[in-house]
């Protein structure tokens, strides 16, 4: 039986903020479908890892398109909502 989890996470960067505060770049949200018996903490980690992998891939693709050497990535997500949808 499938289970569904809603998530909403904000994407931030540590670079480019003039006041020392991290800068919010946007958000990502969706429904994550689970087909196995994974516990919520494992599902949470899978979602965050997937979001971070996507952000890193986009960061590197943008650097390559601009023909610059990517610097160490300073992107990270903050999970704002995560719950099971009935």
N, C-alpha and C. Protein backbone atom coordinates (compact mmCIF):
# COMPACT_ATOMS: atom_id res chain seq x y z
N UNK A 1 0.84 -1.18 0.00
CA UNK A 1 0.00 0.00 0.00
C UNK A 1 0.89 1.26 0.00
N UNK A 2 0.58 2.17 -0.85
CA UNK A 2 1.37 3.40 -0.96
C UNK A 2 1.04 4.35 0.19
N UNK A 3 2.09 5.07 0.61
CA UNK A 3 1.91 6.15 1.59
C UNK A 3 2.42 7.42 0.93
N UNK A 4 1.86 8.55 1.33
CA UNK A 4 2.20 9.83 0.72
C UNK A 4 2.61 10.82 1.80
N UNK A 5 3.72 11.52 1.55
CA UNK A 5 4.21 12.54 2.48
C UNK A 5 4.35 13.87 1.74
N UNK A 6 3.78 14.90 2.33
CA UNK A 6 3.93 16.25 1.79
C UNK A 6 5.17 16.88 2.41
N UNK A 7 5.91 17.62 1.59
CA UNK A 7 7.06 18.35 2.11
C UNK A 7 7.12 19.74 1.50
N UNK A 8 7.69 20.67 2.24
CA UNK A 8 7.96 22.03 1.74
C UNK A 8 9.25 22.46 2.39
N UNK A 9 10.22 22.84 1.56
CA UNK A 9 11.55 23.20 2.06
C UNK A 9 12.01 24.48 1.37
N UNK A 10 12.67 25.35 2.12
CA UNK A 10 13.23 26.58 1.58
C UNK A 10 14.71 26.38 1.27
N UNK A 11 15.15 26.91 0.13
CA UNK A 11 16.54 26.82 -0.30
C UNK A 11 17.26 28.12 0.06
N UNK A 12 18.41 27.99 0.71
CA UNK A 12 19.22 29.13 1.15
C UNK A 12 20.63 29.01 0.62
N UNK A 13 21.33 30.15 0.57
CA UNK A 13 22.75 30.18 0.25
C UNK A 13 23.47 31.02 1.30
N UNK A 14 24.70 30.65 1.57
CA UNK A 14 25.51 31.41 2.53
C UNK A 14 26.28 32.54 1.86
N UNK A 15 26.37 32.49 0.56
CA UNK A 15 27.18 33.49 -0.14
C UNK A 15 26.31 34.63 -0.67
N UNK A 16 26.92 35.80 -0.78
CA UNK A 16 26.24 36.93 -1.39
C UNK A 16 25.38 37.75 -0.46
N UNK A 17 25.27 37.38 0.77
CA UNK A 17 24.45 38.14 1.70
C UNK A 17 25.30 39.26 2.30
N UNK A 18 24.87 40.49 2.09
CA UNK A 18 25.65 41.64 2.55
C UNK A 18 25.59 41.82 4.06
N UNK A 19 24.48 41.47 4.67
CA UNK A 19 24.31 41.70 6.10
C UNK A 19 24.73 40.50 6.95
N UNK A 20 25.34 39.50 6.34
CA UNK A 20 25.78 38.32 7.08
C UNK A 20 24.70 37.26 7.23
N UNK A 21 23.49 37.61 6.86
CA UNK A 21 22.39 36.65 6.92
C UNK A 21 22.40 35.78 5.67
N UNK A 22 22.03 34.52 5.83
CA UNK A 22 21.91 33.66 4.67
C UNK A 22 20.74 34.14 3.82
N UNK A 23 20.87 33.99 2.52
CA UNK A 23 19.87 34.51 1.59
C UNK A 23 18.97 33.38 1.10
N UNK A 24 17.65 33.60 1.19
CA UNK A 24 16.67 32.63 0.71
C UNK A 24 16.57 32.75 -0.81
N UNK A 25 16.72 31.62 -1.49
CA UNK A 25 16.67 31.61 -2.95
C UNK A 25 15.31 31.17 -3.50
N UNK A 26 14.57 30.43 -2.71
CA UNK A 26 13.28 29.92 -3.17
C UNK A 26 12.83 28.76 -2.33
N UNK A 27 11.83 28.05 -2.83
CA UNK A 27 11.34 26.90 -2.08
C UNK A 27 11.01 25.77 -3.03
N UNK A 28 10.84 24.61 -2.47
CA UNK A 28 10.50 23.42 -3.20
C UNK A 28 9.46 22.67 -2.38
N UNK A 29 8.45 22.15 -3.04
CA UNK A 29 7.44 21.38 -2.32
C UNK A 29 6.91 20.28 -3.24
N UNK A 30 6.30 19.29 -2.62
CA UNK A 30 5.75 18.20 -3.40
C UNK A 30 5.23 17.08 -2.52
N UNK A 31 4.83 16.03 -3.19
CA UNK A 31 4.35 14.82 -2.53
C UNK A 31 5.35 13.71 -2.83
N UNK A 32 5.82 13.05 -1.79
CA UNK A 32 6.77 11.96 -1.91
C UNK A 32 6.01 10.66 -1.68
N UNK A 33 6.06 9.74 -2.63
CA UNK A 33 5.34 8.48 -2.55
C UNK A 33 6.27 7.39 -2.02
N UNK A 34 5.79 6.66 -1.01
CA UNK A 34 6.57 5.60 -0.38
C UNK A 34 5.87 4.27 -0.62
N UNK A 35 6.59 3.31 -1.17
CA UNK A 35 6.02 2.00 -1.48
C UNK A 35 6.48 0.91 -0.51
N UNK A 36 7.34 1.26 0.44
CA UNK A 36 7.87 0.25 1.36
C UNK A 36 7.50 0.62 2.80
N UNK A 37 8.12 -0.03 3.75
CA UNK A 37 7.81 0.18 5.16
C UNK A 37 8.80 1.13 5.84
N UNK A 38 9.42 2.02 5.09
CA UNK A 38 10.40 2.95 5.67
C UNK A 38 9.75 3.80 6.76
N UNK A 39 10.54 4.09 7.77
CA UNK A 39 10.06 4.94 8.86
C UNK A 39 10.11 6.41 8.43
N UNK A 40 9.34 7.28 9.07
CA UNK A 40 9.33 8.70 8.69
C UNK A 40 10.70 9.36 8.70
N UNK A 41 11.58 8.99 9.64
CA UNK A 41 12.91 9.62 9.67
C UNK A 41 13.74 9.23 8.44
N UNK A 42 13.60 8.01 7.96
CA UNK A 42 14.30 7.58 6.76
C UNK A 42 13.73 8.30 5.53
N UNK A 43 12.42 8.44 5.48
CA UNK A 43 11.77 9.14 4.37
C UNK A 43 12.22 10.60 4.35
N UNK A 44 12.26 11.23 5.51
CA UNK A 44 12.70 12.62 5.63
C UNK A 44 14.12 12.77 5.07
N UNK A 45 15.02 11.88 5.48
CA UNK A 45 16.41 11.93 5.00
C UNK A 45 16.48 11.74 3.49
N UNK A 46 15.65 10.86 2.93
CA UNK A 46 15.64 10.64 1.49
C UNK A 46 15.19 11.89 0.74
N UNK A 47 14.18 12.56 1.25
CA UNK A 47 13.69 13.78 0.61
C UNK A 47 14.77 14.86 0.64
N UNK A 48 15.37 15.08 1.81
CA UNK A 48 16.42 16.11 1.93
C UNK A 48 17.59 15.78 1.03
N UNK A 49 18.02 14.54 0.99
CA UNK A 49 19.14 14.14 0.12
C UNK A 49 18.79 14.40 -1.35
N UNK A 50 17.59 14.05 -1.75
CA UNK A 50 17.16 14.28 -3.13
C UNK A 50 17.14 15.77 -3.48
N UNK A 51 16.64 16.60 -2.56
CA UNK A 51 16.62 18.04 -2.79
C UNK A 51 18.03 18.60 -2.90
N UNK A 52 18.92 18.17 -2.01
CA UNK A 52 20.30 18.65 -2.04
C UNK A 52 21.02 18.18 -3.30
N UNK A 53 20.79 16.95 -3.72
CA UNK A 53 21.40 16.45 -4.96
C UNK A 53 20.93 17.27 -6.16
N UNK A 54 19.63 17.57 -6.22
CA UNK A 54 19.10 18.38 -7.31
C UNK A 54 19.70 19.78 -7.31
N UNK A 55 19.80 20.39 -6.12
CA UNK A 55 20.35 21.74 -6.01
C UNK A 55 21.82 21.75 -6.44
N UNK A 56 22.58 20.75 -6.02
CA UNK A 56 23.99 20.66 -6.40
C UNK A 56 24.15 20.47 -7.91
N UNK A 57 23.32 19.64 -8.50
CA UNK A 57 23.39 19.40 -9.94
C UNK A 57 23.07 20.69 -10.70
N UNK A 58 22.06 21.42 -10.26
CA UNK A 58 21.70 22.67 -10.92
C UNK A 58 22.80 23.71 -10.76
N UNK A 59 23.39 23.77 -9.57
CA UNK A 59 24.49 24.71 -9.29
C UNK A 59 25.67 24.44 -10.24
N UNK A 60 26.03 23.18 -10.39
CA UNK A 60 27.14 22.81 -11.27
C UNK A 60 26.79 23.05 -12.73
N UNK A 61 25.55 22.78 -13.13
CA UNK A 61 25.14 23.02 -14.51
C UNK A 61 25.18 24.51 -14.83
N UNK A 62 24.75 25.35 -13.90
CA UNK A 62 24.79 26.79 -14.11
C UNK A 62 26.23 27.28 -14.25
N UNK A 63 27.12 26.77 -13.41
CA UNK A 63 28.53 27.16 -13.49
C UNK A 63 29.13 26.73 -14.82
N UNK A 64 28.81 25.53 -15.25
CA UNK A 64 29.33 25.04 -16.53
C UNK A 64 28.80 25.87 -17.69
N UNK A 65 27.52 26.24 -17.65
CA UNK A 65 26.92 27.05 -18.71
C UNK A 65 27.55 28.44 -18.76
N UNK A 66 27.95 28.96 -17.60
CA UNK A 66 28.59 30.27 -17.55
C UNK A 66 30.09 30.17 -17.79
N UNK A 67 30.57 28.93 -18.00
CA UNK A 67 31.98 28.66 -18.26
C UNK A 67 32.89 29.17 -17.13
N UNK A 68 32.47 28.90 -15.91
CA UNK A 68 33.28 29.24 -14.74
C UNK A 68 33.47 27.98 -13.90
N UNK A 69 34.52 27.99 -13.13
CA UNK A 69 34.80 26.87 -12.23
C UNK A 69 33.89 27.00 -11.01
N UNK A 70 33.04 25.98 -10.73
CA UNK A 70 32.18 26.10 -9.55
C UNK A 70 33.00 26.11 -8.26
N UNK A 71 32.63 26.98 -7.37
CA UNK A 71 33.27 27.03 -6.05
C UNK A 71 32.53 26.07 -5.14
N UNK A 72 33.07 25.81 -3.96
CA UNK A 72 32.34 24.93 -3.05
C UNK A 72 30.91 25.42 -2.86
N UNK A 73 29.98 24.49 -2.97
CA UNK A 73 28.57 24.83 -2.90
C UNK A 73 28.17 25.25 -1.49
N UNK A 74 27.41 26.33 -1.41
CA UNK A 74 26.95 26.82 -0.12
C UNK A 74 25.43 26.80 -0.04
N UNK A 75 24.80 25.94 -0.86
CA UNK A 75 23.35 25.83 -0.85
C UNK A 75 22.91 24.81 0.20
N UNK A 76 21.79 25.10 0.83
CA UNK A 76 21.22 24.13 1.76
C UNK A 76 19.72 24.34 1.87
N UNK A 77 19.01 23.31 2.27
CA UNK A 77 17.56 23.37 2.46
C UNK A 77 17.21 23.37 3.93
N UNK A 78 16.13 24.07 4.25
CA UNK A 78 15.52 24.02 5.58
C UNK A 78 14.11 23.49 5.38
N UNK A 79 13.83 22.34 5.97
CA UNK A 79 12.51 21.73 5.83
C UNK A 79 11.52 22.49 6.70
N UNK A 80 10.47 23.01 6.08
CA UNK A 80 9.45 23.80 6.79
C UNK A 80 8.24 22.96 7.15
N UNK A 81 7.88 22.02 6.28
CA UNK A 81 6.73 21.15 6.53
C UNK A 81 7.07 19.74 6.05
N UNK A 82 6.60 18.77 6.81
CA UNK A 82 6.78 17.38 6.45
C UNK A 82 5.73 16.59 7.22
N UNK A 83 4.80 16.00 6.50
CA UNK A 83 3.76 15.21 7.18
C UNK A 83 3.13 14.21 6.23
N UNK A 84 2.56 13.17 6.85
CA UNK A 84 1.89 12.13 6.09
C UNK A 84 0.51 12.62 5.66
N UNK A 85 0.20 12.38 4.38
CA UNK A 85 -1.10 12.75 3.85
C UNK A 85 -1.99 11.51 3.88
N UNK A 86 -3.13 11.65 4.49
CA UNK A 86 -4.07 10.50 4.55
C UNK A 86 -5.03 10.48 3.40
